[in-house]
Amino acid sequence: MAESKAAWDKVGEDFRALGRQVKQHYDQRPRPGTEVQEAPEGQAAPAGDRRKVDEALEKLRDSLDQAFSALGDAVRDPQVGDQTKKAATSLSDALTATFAEASERFRKK
């Protein structure tokens, strides 16, 4: 049991490190402007509620664009690639240890 706990602790550490690296890429991305675009000339401006929904959707789109751009940048970063491999190896090791312990328990029964 101690072996699988240690393996799962390592998985957590490695994925936290990977998360920090992806967050660092996200934090380095320029923030989109927060200004609201006016309706084109000759068209009526959206009603108050519609405008709020449009603004919220625009912010969501910008945030998702930022997040996926940062993720794309992180994927191309060799250090993030190394950390991803390390995290995946830790996960594999933890699963192996867990299944080995479970198998041993079943054999004893």
PDB file of N, CA and C in Angstrom:
ATOM      1  N   MET A   1       0.822  -1.202   0.000  1.00  0.00           N
ATOM      2  CA  MET A   1       0.000   0.000   0.000  1.00  0.00           C
ATOM      3  C   MET A   1       0.862   1.260   0.000  1.00  0.00           C
ATOM      4  N   ALA A   2       1.970   1.220   0.724  1.00  0.00           N
ATOM      5  CA  ALA A   2       2.846   2.391   0.796  1.00  0.00           C
ATOM      6  C   ALA A   2       3.436   2.724  -0.571  1.00  0.00           C
ATOM      7  N   GLU A   3       3.729   1.684  -1.360  1.00  0.00           N
ATOM      8  CA  GLU A   3       4.309   1.926  -2.679  1.00  0.00           C
ATOM      9  C   GLU A   3       3.326   2.655  -3.593  1.00  0.00           C
ATOM     10  N   SER A   4       2.063   2.232  -3.590  1.00  0.00           N
ATOM     11  CA  SER A   4       1.092   2.900  -4.466  1.00  0.00           C
ATOM     12  C   SER A   4       0.786   4.300  -3.959  1.00  0.00           C
ATOM     13  N   LYS A   5       0.754   4.516  -2.638  1.00  0.00           N
ATOM     14  CA  LYS A   5       0.514   5.868  -2.109  1.00  0.00           C
ATOM     15  C   LYS A   5       1.626   6.802  -2.550  1.00  0.00           C
ATOM     16  N   ALA A   6       2.867   6.345  -2.431  1.00  0.00           N
ATOM     17  CA  ALA A   6       4.003   7.164  -2.855  1.00  0.00           C
ATOM     18  C   ALA A   6       3.929   7.449  -4.354  1.00  0.00           C
ATOM     19  N   ALA A   7       3.529   6.430  -5.126  1.00  0.00           N
ATOM     20  CA  ALA A   7       3.411   6.624  -6.579  1.00  0.00           C
ATOM     21  C   ALA A   7       2.331   7.642  -6.901  1.00  0.00           C
ATOM     22  N   TRP A   8       1.199   7.581  -6.195  1.00  0.00           N
ATOM     23  CA  TRP A   8       0.118   8.540  -6.458  1.00  0.00           C
ATOM     24  C   TRP A   8       0.496   9.936  -5.982  1.00  0.00           C
ATOM     25  N   ASP A   9       1.269  10.024  -4.909  1.00  0.00           N
ATOM     26  CA  ASP A   9       1.762  11.339  -4.470  1.00  0.00           C
ATOM     27  C   ASP A   9       2.645  11.953  -5.552  1.00  0.00           C
ATOM     28  N   LYS A  10       3.473  11.125  -6.181  1.00  0.00           N
ATOM     29  CA  LYS A  10       4.334  11.611  -7.264  1.00  0.00           C
ATOM     30  C   LYS A  10       3.505  12.064  -8.462  1.00  0.00           C
ATOM     31  N   VAL A  11       2.435  11.332  -8.762  1.00  0.00           N
ATOM     32  CA  VAL A  11       1.539  11.750  -9.854  1.00  0.00           C
ATOM     33  C   VAL A  11       1.014  13.156  -9.561  1.00  0.00           C
ATOM     34  N   GLY A  12       0.556  13.366  -8.332  1.00  0.00           N
ATOM     35  CA  GLY A  12       0.045  14.685  -7.964  1.00  0.00           C
ATOM     36  C   GLY A  12       1.090  15.770  -8.111  1.00  0.00           C
ATOM     37  N   GLU A  13       2.306  15.492  -7.650  1.00  0.00           N
ATOM     38  CA  GLU A  13       3.394  16.472  -7.761  1.00  0.00           C
ATOM     39  C   GLU A  13       3.697  16.790  -9.227  1.00  0.00           C
ATOM     40  N   ASP A  14       3.790  15.757 -10.053  1.00  0.00           N
ATOM     41  CA  ASP A  14       4.132  15.969 -11.455  1.00  0.00           C
ATOM     42  C   ASP A  14       3.039  16.719 -12.207  1.00  0.00           C
ATOM     43  N   PHE A  15       1.781  16.401 -11.934  1.00  0.00           N
ATOM     44  CA  PHE A  15       0.701  17.111 -12.612  1.00  0.00           C
ATOM     45  C   PHE A  15       0.571  18.549 -12.097  1.00  0.00           C
ATOM     46  N   ARG A  16       0.858  18.781 -10.803  1.00  0.00           N
ATOM     47  CA  ARG A  16       0.870  20.160 -10.308  1.00  0.00           C
ATOM     48  C   ARG A  16       1.960  20.964 -11.007  1.00  0.00           C
ATOM     49  N   ALA A  17       3.138  20.361 -11.181  1.00  0.00           N
ATOM     50  CA  ALA A  17       4.236  21.042 -11.880  1.00  0.00           C
ATOM     51  C   ALA A  17       3.849  21.337 -13.326  1.00  0.00           C
ATOM     52  N   LEU A  18       3.203  20.377 -13.967  1.00  0.00           N
ATOM     53  CA  LEU A  18       2.740  20.589 -15.338  1.00  0.00           C
ATOM     54  C   LEU A  18       1.714  21.720 -15.371  1.00  0.00           C
ATOM     55  N   GLY A  19       0.790  21.733 -14.418  1.00  0.00           N
ATOM     56  CA  GLY A  19      -0.210  22.796 -14.346  1.00  0.00           C
ATOM     57  C   GLY A  19       0.430  24.168 -14.162  1.00  0.00           C
ATOM     58  N   ARG A  20       1.467  24.230 -13.330  1.00  0.00           N
ATOM     59  CA  ARG A  20       2.164  25.511 -13.131  1.00  0.00           C
ATOM     60  C   ARG A  20       2.806  25.987 -14.426  1.00  0.00           C
ATOM     61  N   GLN A  21       3.384  25.062 -15.198  1.00  0.00           N
ATOM     62  CA  GLN A  21       4.011  25.457 -16.455  1.00  0.00           C
ATOM     63  C   GLN A  21       2.975  25.963 -17.461  1.00  0.00           C
ATOM     64  N   VAL A  22       1.839  25.280 -17.545  1.00  0.00           N
ATOM     65  CA  VAL A  22       0.781  25.728 -18.463  1.00  0.00           C
ATOM     66  C   VAL A  22       0.239  27.086 -17.998  1.00  0.00           C
ATOM     67  N   LYS A  23       0.053  27.249 -16.691  1.00  0.00           N
ATOM     68  CA  LYS A  23      -0.428  28.526 -16.142  1.00  0.00           C
ATOM     69  C   LYS A  23       0.552  29.645 -16.464  1.00  0.00           C
ATOM     70  N   GLN A  24       1.850  29.351 -16.365  1.00  0.00           N
ATOM     71  CA  GLN A  24       2.851  30.361 -16.674  1.00  0.00           C
ATOM     72  C   GLN A  24       2.706  30.827 -18.129  1.00  0.00           C
ATOM     73  N   HIS A  25       2.498  29.888 -19.033  1.00  0.00           N
ATOM     74  CA  HIS A  25       2.281  30.275 -20.437  1.00  0.00           C
ATOM     75  C   HIS A  25       1.008  31.101 -20.574  1.00  0.00           C
ATOM     76  N   TYR A  26      -0.032  30.716 -19.860  1.00  0.00           N
ATOM     77  CA  TYR A  26      -1.297  31.456 -19.908  1.00  0.00           C
ATOM     78  C   TYR A  26      -1.098  32.873 -19.390  1.00  0.00           C
ATOM     79  N   ASP A  27      -0.389  33.013 -18.279  1.00  0.00           N
ATOM     80  CA  ASP A  27      -0.177  34.328 -17.682  1.00  0.00           C
ATOM     81  C   ASP A  27       0.667  35.239 -18.571  1.00  0.00           C
ATOM     82  N   GLN A  28       1.483  34.659 -19.429  1.00  0.00           N
ATOM     83  CA  GLN A  28       2.342  35.458 -20.307  1.00  0.00           C
ATOM     84  C   GLN A  28       1.612  35.965 -21.550  1.00  0.00           C
ATOM     85  N   ARG A  29       0.434  35.437 -21.816  1.00  0.00           N
ATOM     86  CA  ARG A  29      -0.313  35.853 -23.000  1.00  0.00           C
ATOM     87  C   ARG A  29      -0.865  37.255 -22.794  1.00  0.00           C
ATOM     88  N   PRO A  30      -0.875  38.086 -23.827  1.00  0.00           N
ATOM     89  CA  PRO A  30      -1.480  39.417 -23.687  1.00  0.00           C
ATOM     90  C   PRO A  30      -2.985  39.297 -23.474  1.00  0.00           C
ATOM     91  N   ARG A  31      -3.517  40.149 -22.648  1.00  0.00           N
ATOM     92  CA  ARG A  31      -4.950  40.140 -22.341  1.00  0.00           C
ATOM     93  C   ARG A  31      -5.704  40.882 -23.438  1.00  0.00           C
ATOM     94  N   PRO A  32      -6.842  40.342 -23.884  1.00  0.00           N
ATOM     95  CA  PRO A  32      -7.636  41.042 -24.900  1.00  0.00           C
ATOM     96  C   PRO A  32      -8.254  42.295 -24.294  1.00  0.00           C
ATOM     97  N   GLY A  33      -8.556  43.275 -25.161  1.00  0.00           N
ATOM     98  CA  GLY A  33      -9.198  44.505 -24.705  1.00  0.00           C
ATOM     99  C   GLY A  33     -10.571  44.219 -24.131  1.00  0.00           C
ATOM    100  N   THR A  34     -10.991  45.056 -23.232  1.00  0.00           N
ATOM    101  CA  THR A  34     -12.295  44.852 -22.598  1.00  0.00           C
ATOM    102  C   THR A  34     -13.339  45.813 -23.133  1.00  0.00           C
ATOM    103  N   GLU A  35     -12.962  46.617 -24.119  1.00  0.00           N
ATOM    104  CA  GLU A  35     -13.938  47.554 -24.650  1.00  0.00           C
ATOM    105  C   GLU A  35     -15.039  46.836 -25.418  1.00  0.00           C
ATOM    106  N   VAL A  36     -16.206  47.421 -25.424  1.00  0.00           N
ATOM    107  CA  VAL A  36     -17.368  46.845 -26.088  1.00  0.00           C
ATOM    108  C   VAL A  36     -17.498  47.490 -27.457  1.00  0.00           C
ATOM    109  N   GLN A  37     -17.700  46.671 -28.484  1.00  0.00           N
ATOM    110  CA  GLN A  37     -17.871  47.203 -29.830  1.00  0.00           C
ATOM    111  C   GLN A  37     -19.285  47.744 -29.984  1.00  0.00           C
ATOM    112  N   GLU A  38     -19.379  48.872 -30.618  1.00  0.00           N
ATOM    113  CA  GLU A  38     -20.690  49.481 -30.875  1.00  0.00           C
ATOM    114  C   GLU A  38     -21.326  48.817 -32.087  1.00  0.00           C
ATOM    115  N   ALA A  39     -22.633  48.943 -32.170  1.00  0.00           N
ATOM    116  CA  ALA A  39     -23.363  48.389 -33.311  1.00  0.00           C
ATOM    117  C   ALA A  39     -22.965  49.152 -34.574  1.00  0.00           C
ATOM    118  N   PRO A  40     -22.903  48.461 -35.718  1.00  0.00           N
ATOM    119  CA  PRO A  40     -22.561  49.135 -36.974  1.00  0.00           C
ATOM    120  C   PRO A  40     -23.552  50.258 -37.275  1.00  0.00           C
ATOM    121  N   GLU A  41     -23.067  51.244 -38.026  1.00  0.00           N
ATOM    122  CA  GLU A  41     -23.894  52.403 -38.362  1.00  0.00           C
ATOM    123  C   GLU A  41     -25.149  51.964 -39.108  1.00  0.00           C
ATOM    124  N   GLY A  42     -26.259  52.557 -38.749  1.00  0.00           N
ATOM    125  CA  GLY A  42     -27.525  52.240 -39.396  1.00  0.00           C
ATOM    126  C   GLY A  42     -28.284  51.118 -38.705  1.00  0.00           C
ATOM    127  N   GLN A  43     -27.690  50.488 -37.700  1.00  0.00           N
ATOM    128  CA  GLN A  43     -28.371  49.426 -36.971  1.00  0.00           C
ATOM    129  C   GLN A  43     -28.611  49.888 -35.541  1.00  0.00           C
ATOM    130  N   ALA A  44     -29.700  49.405 -34.990  1.00  0.00           N
ATOM    131  CA  ALA A  44     -30.021  49.751 -33.611  1.00  0.00           C
ATOM    132  C   ALA A  44     -29.106  48.978 -32.664  1.00  0.00           C
ATOM    133  N   ALA A  45     -28.723  49.628 -31.576  1.00  0.00           N
ATOM    134  CA  ALA A  45     -27.908  48.956 -30.563  1.00  0.00           C
ATOM    135  C   ALA A  45     -28.762  47.890 -29.880  1.00  0.00           C
ATOM    136  N   PRO A  46     -28.162  46.779 -29.471  1.00  0.00           N
ATOM    137  CA  PRO A  46     -28.923  45.735 -28.793  1.00  0.00           C
ATOM    138  C   PRO A  46     -29.537  46.258 -27.501  1.00  0.00           C
ATOM    139  N   ALA A  47     -30.639  45.655 -27.093  1.00  0.00           N
ATOM    140  CA  ALA A  47     -31.275  46.021 -25.831  1.00  0.00           C
ATOM    141  C   ALA A  47     -30.308  45.741 -24.696  1.00  0.00           C
ATOM    142  N   GLY A  48     -30.558  46.316 -23.521  1.00  0.00           N
ATOM    143  CA  GLY A  48     -29.657  46.193 -22.378  1.00  0.00           C
ATOM    144  C   GLY A  48     -29.311  44.760 -22.029  1.00  0.00           C
ATOM    145  N   ASP A  49     -30.316  43.901 -21.935  1.00  0.00           N
ATOM    146  CA  ASP A  49     -30.055  42.508 -21.582  1.00  0.00           C
ATOM    147  C   ASP A  49     -29.264  41.811 -22.679  1.00  0.00           C
ATOM    148  N   ARG A  50     -29.641  42.070 -23.914  1.00  0.00           N
ATOM    149  CA  ARG A  50     -28.942  41.436 -25.041  1.00  0.00           C
ATOM    150  C   ARG A  50     -27.489  41.889 -25.073  1.00  0.00           C
ATOM    151  N   ARG A  51     -27.276  43.140 -24.768  1.00  0.00           N
ATOM    152  CA  ARG A  51     -25.909  43.678 -24.771  1.00  0.00           C
ATOM    153  C   ARG A  51     -25.064  42.984 -23.694  1.00  0.00           C
ATOM    154  N   LYS A  52     -25.654  42.761 -22.522  1.00  0.00           N
ATOM    155  CA  LYS A  52     -24.923  42.083 -21.443  1.00  0.00           C
ATOM    156  C   LYS A  52     -24.568  40.661 -21.840  1.00  0.00           C
ATOM    157  N   VAL A  53     -25.509  39.983 -22.488  1.00  0.00           N
ATOM    158  CA  VAL A  53     -25.251  38.622 -22.946  1.00  0.00           C
ATOM    159  C   VAL A  53     -24.149  38.628 -23.998  1.00  0.00           C
ATOM    160  N   ASP A  54     -24.224  39.549 -24.930  1.00  0.00           N
ATOM    161  CA  ASP A  54     -23.199  39.651 -25.971  1.00  0.00           C
ATOM    162  C   ASP A  54     -21.825  39.918 -25.362  1.00  0.00           C
ATOM    163  N   GLU A  55     -21.776  40.817 -24.369  1.00  0.00           N
ATOM    164  CA  GLU A  55     -20.501  41.130 -23.711  1.00  0.00           C
ATOM    165  C   GLU A  55     -19.958  39.894 -22.978  1.00  0.00           C
ATOM    166  N   ALA A  56     -20.840  39.173 -22.293  1.00  0.00           N
ATOM    167  CA  ALA A  56     -20.413  37.983 -21.566  1.00  0.00           C
ATOM    168  C   ALA A  56     -19.891  36.920 -22.532  1.00  0.00           C
ATOM    169  N   LEU A  57     -20.584  36.732 -23.649  1.00  0.00           N
ATOM    170  CA  LEU A  57     -20.140  35.752 -24.640  1.00  0.00           C
ATOM    171  C   LEU A  57     -18.805  36.156 -25.261  1.00  0.00           C
ATOM    172  N   GLU A  58     -18.631  37.447 -25.479  1.00  0.00           N
ATOM    173  CA  GLU A  58     -17.361  37.934 -26.036  1.00  0.00           C
ATOM    174  C   GLU A  58     -16.216  37.679 -25.048  1.00  0.00           C
ATOM    175  N   LYS A  59     -16.462  37.948 -23.773  1.00  0.00           N
ATOM    176  CA  LYS A  59     -15.427  37.701 -22.757  1.00  0.00           C
ATOM    177  C   LYS A  59     -15.113  36.216 -22.663  1.00  0.00           C
ATOM    178  N   LEU A  60     -16.137  35.383 -22.733  1.00  0.00           N
ATOM    179  CA  LEU A  60     -15.930  33.937 -22.694  1.00  0.00           C
ATOM    180  C   LEU A  60     -15.106  33.492 -23.896  1.00  0.00           C
ATOM    181  N   ARG A  61     -15.445  33.991 -25.061  1.00  0.00           N
ATOM    182  CA  ARG A  61     -14.702  33.642 -26.281  1.00  0.00           C
ATOM    183  C   ARG A  61     -13.253  34.069 -26.157  1.00  0.00           C
ATOM    184  N   ASP A  62     -13.018  35.286 -25.673  1.00  0.00           N
ATOM    185  CA  ASP A  62     -11.655  35.780 -25.507  1.00  0.00           C
ATOM    186  C   ASP A  62     -10.875  34.933 -24.494  1.00  0.00           C
ATOM    187  N   SER A  63     -11.541  34.567 -23.403  1.00  0.00           N
ATOM    188  CA  SER A  63     -10.881  33.754 -22.378  1.00  0.00           C
ATOM    189  C   SER A  63     -10.526  32.377 -22.920  1.00  0.00           C
ATOM    190  N   LEU A  64     -11.453  31.773 -23.650  1.00  0.00           N
ATOM    191  CA  LEU A  64     -11.176  30.454 -24.237  1.00  0.00           C
ATOM    192  C   LEU A  64     -10.063  30.541 -25.271  1.00  0.00           C
ATOM    193  N   ASP A  65     -10.075  31.607 -26.062  1.00  0.00           N
ATOM    194  CA  ASP A  65      -9.022  31.806 -27.050  1.00  0.00           C
ATOM    195  C   ASP A  65      -7.668  31.924 -26.356  1.00  0.00           C
ATOM    196  N   GLN A  66      -7.625  32.693 -25.273  1.00  0.00           N
ATOM    197  CA  GLN A  66      -6.391  32.844 -24.503  1.00  0.00           C
ATOM    198  C   GLN A  66      -5.929  31.510 -23.938  1.00  0.00           C
ATOM    199  N   ALA A  67      -6.861  30.781 -23.333  1.00  0.00           N
ATOM    200  CA  ALA A  67      -6.510  29.513 -22.694  1.00  0.00           C
ATOM    201  C   ALA A  67      -5.966  28.522 -23.717  1.00  0.00           C
ATOM    202  N   PHE A  68      -6.634  28.387 -24.868  1.00  0.00           N
ATOM    203  CA  PHE A  68      -6.173  27.432 -25.863  1.00  0.00           C
ATOM    204  C   PHE A  68      -4.893  27.897 -26.551  1.00  0.00           C
ATOM    205  N   SER A  69      -4.713  29.197 -26.699  1.00  0.00           N
ATOM    206  CA  SER A  69      -3.449  29.698 -27.244  1.00  0.00           C
ATOM    207  C   SER A  69      -2.306  29.410 -26.282  1.00  0.00           C
ATOM    208  N   ALA A  70      -2.549  29.625 -24.986  1.00  0.00           N
ATOM    209  CA  ALA A  70      -1.523  29.331 -23.984  1.00  0.00           C
ATOM    210  C   ALA A  70      -1.215  27.840 -23.958  1.00  0.00           C
ATOM    211  N   LEU A  71      -2.242  27.021 -24.063  1.00  0.00           N
ATOM    212  CA  LEU A  71      -2.029  25.576 -24.085  1.00  0.00           C
ATOM    213  C   LEU A  71      -1.212  25.183 -25.311  1.00  0.00           C
ATOM    214  N   GLY A  72      -1.513  25.796 -26.448  1.00  0.00           N
ATOM    215  CA  GLY A  72      -0.743  25.531 -27.664  1.00  0.00           C
ATOM    216  C   GLY A  72       0.709  25.942 -27.504  1.00  0.00           C
ATOM    217  N   ASP A  73       0.943  27.119 -26.892  1.00  0.00           N
ATOM    218  CA  ASP A  73       2.312  27.564 -26.638  1.00  0.00           C
ATOM    219  C   ASP A  73       3.015  26.593 -25.697  1.00  0.00           C
ATOM    220  N   ALA A  74       2.304  26.157 -24.671  1.00  0.00           N
ATOM    221  CA  ALA A  74       2.894  25.247 -23.689  1.00  0.00           C
ATOM    222  C   ALA A  74       3.260  23.914 -24.336  1.00  0.00           C
ATOM    223  N   VAL A  75       2.423  23.432 -25.234  1.00  0.00           N
ATOM    224  CA  VAL A  75       2.684  22.148 -25.889  1.00  0.00           C
ATOM    225  C   VAL A  75       3.959  22.221 -26.721  1.00  0.00           C
ATOM    226  N   ARG A  76       4.237  23.373 -27.289  1.00  0.00           N
ATOM    227  CA  ARG A  76       5.442  23.530 -28.111  1.00  0.00           C
ATOM    228  C   ARG A  76       6.696  23.791 -27.275  1.00  0.00           C
ATOM    229  N   ASP A  77       6.539  24.055 -25.982  1.00  0.00           N
ATOM    230  CA  ASP A  77       7.670  24.319 -25.094  1.00  0.00           C
ATOM    231  C   ASP A  77       8.320  22.992 -24.708  1.00  0.00           C
ATOM    232  N   PRO A  78       9.616  22.810 -24.997  1.00  0.00           N
ATOM    233  CA  PRO A  78      10.271  21.534 -24.683  1.00  0.00           C
ATOM    234  C   PRO A  78      10.227  21.184 -23.187  1.00  0.00           C
ATOM    235  N   GLN A  79      10.302  22.174 -22.317  1.00  0.00           N
ATOM    236  CA  GLN A  79      10.237  21.897 -20.882  1.00  0.00           C
ATOM    237  C   GLN A  79       8.874  21.332 -20.495  1.00  0.00           C
ATOM    238  N   VAL A  80       7.820  21.865 -21.095  1.00  0.00           N
ATOM    239  CA  VAL A  80       6.477  21.355 -20.807  1.00  0.00           C
ATOM    240  C   VAL A  80       6.347  19.936 -21.358  1.00  0.00           C
ATOM    241  N   GLY A  81       6.933  19.688 -22.515  1.00  0.00           N
ATOM    242  CA  GLY A  81       6.914  18.339 -23.077  1.00  0.00           C
ATOM    243  C   GLY A  81       7.601  17.345 -22.148  1.00  0.00           C
ATOM    244  N   ASP A  82       8.741  17.767 -21.603  1.00  0.00           N
ATOM    245  CA  ASP A  82       9.456  16.896 -20.657  1.00  0.00           C
ATOM    246  C   ASP A  82       8.615  16.652 -19.409  1.00  0.00           C
ATOM    247  N   GLN A  83       7.956  17.707 -18.900  1.00  0.00           N
ATOM    248  CA  GLN A  83       7.140  17.553 -17.698  1.00  0.00           C
ATOM    249  C   GLN A  83       5.917  16.688 -17.987  1.00  0.00           C
ATOM    250  N   THR A  84       5.356  16.802 -19.188  1.00  0.00           N
ATOM    251  CA  THR A  84       4.217  15.964 -19.562  1.00  0.00           C
ATOM    252  C   THR A  84       4.624  14.490 -19.577  1.00  0.00           C
ATOM    253  N   LYS A  85       5.787  14.207 -20.146  1.00  0.00           N
ATOM    254  CA  LYS A  85       6.281  12.822 -20.160  1.00  0.00           C
ATOM    255  C   LYS A  85       6.502  12.323 -18.740  1.00  0.00           C
ATOM    256  N   LYS A  86       7.065  13.185 -17.897  1.00  0.00           N
ATOM    257  CA  LYS A  86       7.326  12.808 -16.509  1.00  0.00           C
ATOM    258  C   LYS A  86       6.012  12.518 -15.777  1.00  0.00           C
ATOM    259  N   ALA A  87       5.016  13.373 -15.977  1.00  0.00           N
ATOM    260  CA  ALA A  87       3.714  13.174 -15.334  1.00  0.00           C
ATOM    261  C   ALA A  87       3.050  11.898 -15.836  1.00  0.00           C
ATOM    262  N   ALA A  88       3.134  11.646 -17.141  1.00  0.00           N
ATOM    263  CA  ALA A  88       2.537  10.427 -17.703  1.00  0.00           C
ATOM    264  C   ALA A  88       3.237   9.176 -17.170  1.00  0.00           C
ATOM    265  N   THR A  89       4.548   9.249 -17.026  1.00  0.00           N
ATOM    266  CA  THR A  89       5.293   8.116 -16.475  1.00  0.00           C
ATOM    267  C   THR A  89       4.893   7.883 -15.022  1.00  0.00           C
ATOM    268  N   SER A  90       4.751   8.964 -14.259  1.00  0.00           N
ATOM    269  CA  SER A  90       4.323   8.835 -12.860  1.00  0.00           C
ATOM    270  C   SER A  90       2.949   8.197 -12.773  1.00  0.00           C
ATOM    271  N   LEU A  91       2.053   8.621 -13.656  1.00  0.00           N
ATOM    272  CA  LEU A  91       0.711   8.048 -13.672  1.00  0.00           C
ATOM    273  C   LEU A  91       0.769   6.566 -13.994  1.00  0.00           C
ATOM    274  N   SER A  92       1.564   6.214 -14.974  1.00  0.00           N
ATOM    275  CA  SER A  92       1.716   4.800 -15.338  1.00  0.00           C
ATOM    276  C   SER A  92       2.292   3.994 -14.172  1.00  0.00           C
ATOM    277  N   ASP A  93       3.309   4.539 -13.522  1.00  0.00           N
ATOM    278  CA  ASP A  93       3.916   3.851 -12.376  1.00  0.00           C
ATOM    279  C   ASP A  93       2.914   3.667 -11.240  1.00  0.00           C
ATOM    280  N   ALA A  94       2.119   4.702 -10.980  1.00  0.00           N
ATOM    281  CA  ALA A  94       1.126   4.623  -9.904  1.00  0.00           C
ATOM    282  C   ALA A  94       0.061   3.584 -10.220  1.00  0.00           C
ATOM    283  N   LEU A  95      -0.393   3.554 -11.460  1.00  0.00           N
ATOM    284  CA  LEU A  95      -1.387   2.544 -11.847  1.00  0.00           C
ATOM    285  C   LEU A  95      -0.810   1.134 -11.725  1.00  0.00           C
ATOM    286  N   THR A  96       0.431   0.971 -12.156  1.00  0.00           N
ATOM    287  CA  THR A  96       1.081  -0.339 -12.056  1.00  0.00           C
ATOM    288  C   THR A  96       1.180  -0.777 -10.601  1.00  0.00           C
ATOM    289  N   ALA A  97       1.620   0.129  -9.733  1.00  0.00           N
ATOM    290  CA  ALA A  97       1.748  -0.205  -8.308  1.00  0.00           C
ATOM    291  C   ALA A  97       0.392  -0.525  -7.690  1.00  0.00           C
ATOM    292  N   THR A  98      -0.620   0.248  -8.045  1.00  0.00           N
ATOM    293  CA  THR A  98      -1.959   0.025  -7.507  1.00  0.00           C
ATOM    294  C   THR A  98      -2.509  -1.327  -7.942  1.00  0.00           C
ATOM    295  N   PHE A  99      -2.374  -1.654  -9.226  1.00  0.00           N
ATOM    296  CA  PHE A  99      -2.877  -2.941  -9.711  1.00  0.00           C
ATOM    297  C   PHE A  99      -2.076  -4.106  -9.140  1.00  0.00           C
ATOM    298  N   ALA A 100      -0.775  -3.907  -8.944  1.00  0.00           N
ATOM    299  CA  ALA A 100       0.040  -4.966  -8.337  1.00  0.00           C
ATOM    300  C   ALA A 100      -0.419  -5.230  -6.909  1.00  0.00           C
ATOM    301  N   GLU A 101      -0.693  -4.167  -6.155  1.00  0.00           N
ATOM    302  CA  GLU A 101      -1.163  -4.335  -4.780  1.00  0.00           C
ATOM    303  C   GLU A 101      -2.552  -4.959  -4.742  1.00  0.00           C
ATOM    304  N   ALA A 102      -3.414  -4.541  -5.640  1.00  0.00           N
ATOM    305  CA  ALA A 102      -4.768  -5.116  -5.695  1.00  0.00           C
ATOM    306  C   ALA A 102      -4.694  -6.598  -6.067  1.00  0.00           C
ATOM    307  N   SER A 103      -3.851  -6.927  -7.004  1.00  0.00           N
ATOM    308  CA  SER A 103      -3.684  -8.315  -7.425  1.00  0.00           C
ATOM    309  C   SER A 103      -3.176  -9.158  -6.253  1.00  0.00           C
ATOM    310  N   GLU A 104      -2.220  -8.630  -5.514  1.00  0.00           N
ATOM    311  CA  GLU A 104      -1.684  -9.336  -4.356  1.00  0.00           C
ATOM    312  C   GLU A 104      -2.768  -9.568  -3.300  1.00  0.00           C
ATOM    313  N   ARG A 105      -3.610  -8.589  -3.092  1.00  0.00           N
ATOM    314  CA  ARG A 105      -4.702  -8.728  -2.131  1.00  0.00           C
ATOM    315  C   ARG A 105      -5.675  -9.828  -2.552  1.00  0.00           C
ATOM    316  N   PHE A 106      -5.999  -9.881  -3.838  1.00  0.00           N
ATOM    317  CA  PHE A 106      -6.931 -10.904  -4.332  1.00  0.00           C
ATOM    318  C   PHE A 106      -6.322 -12.302  -4.221  1.00  0.00           C
ATOM    319  N   ARG A 107      -5.036 -12.395  -4.444  1.00  0.00           N
ATOM    320  CA  ARG A 107      -4.367 -13.696  -4.340  1.00  0.00           C
ATOM    321  C   ARG A 107      -4.391 -14.206  -2.905  1.00  0.00           C
ATOM    322  N   LYS A 108      -4.305 -13.312  -1.940  1.00  0.00           N
ATOM    323  CA  LYS A 108      -4.302 -13.697  -0.532  1.00  0.00           C
ATOM    324  C   LYS A 108      -5.666 -14.164  -0.066  1.00  0.00           C
ATOM    325  N   LYS A 109      -6.726 -13.765  -0.736  1.00  0.00           N
ATOM    326  CA  LYS A 109      -8.092 -14.120  -0.319  1.00  0.00           C
ATOM    327  C   LYS A 109      -8.489 -15.456  -0.781  1.00  0.00           C
TER     328      LYS A 109
END
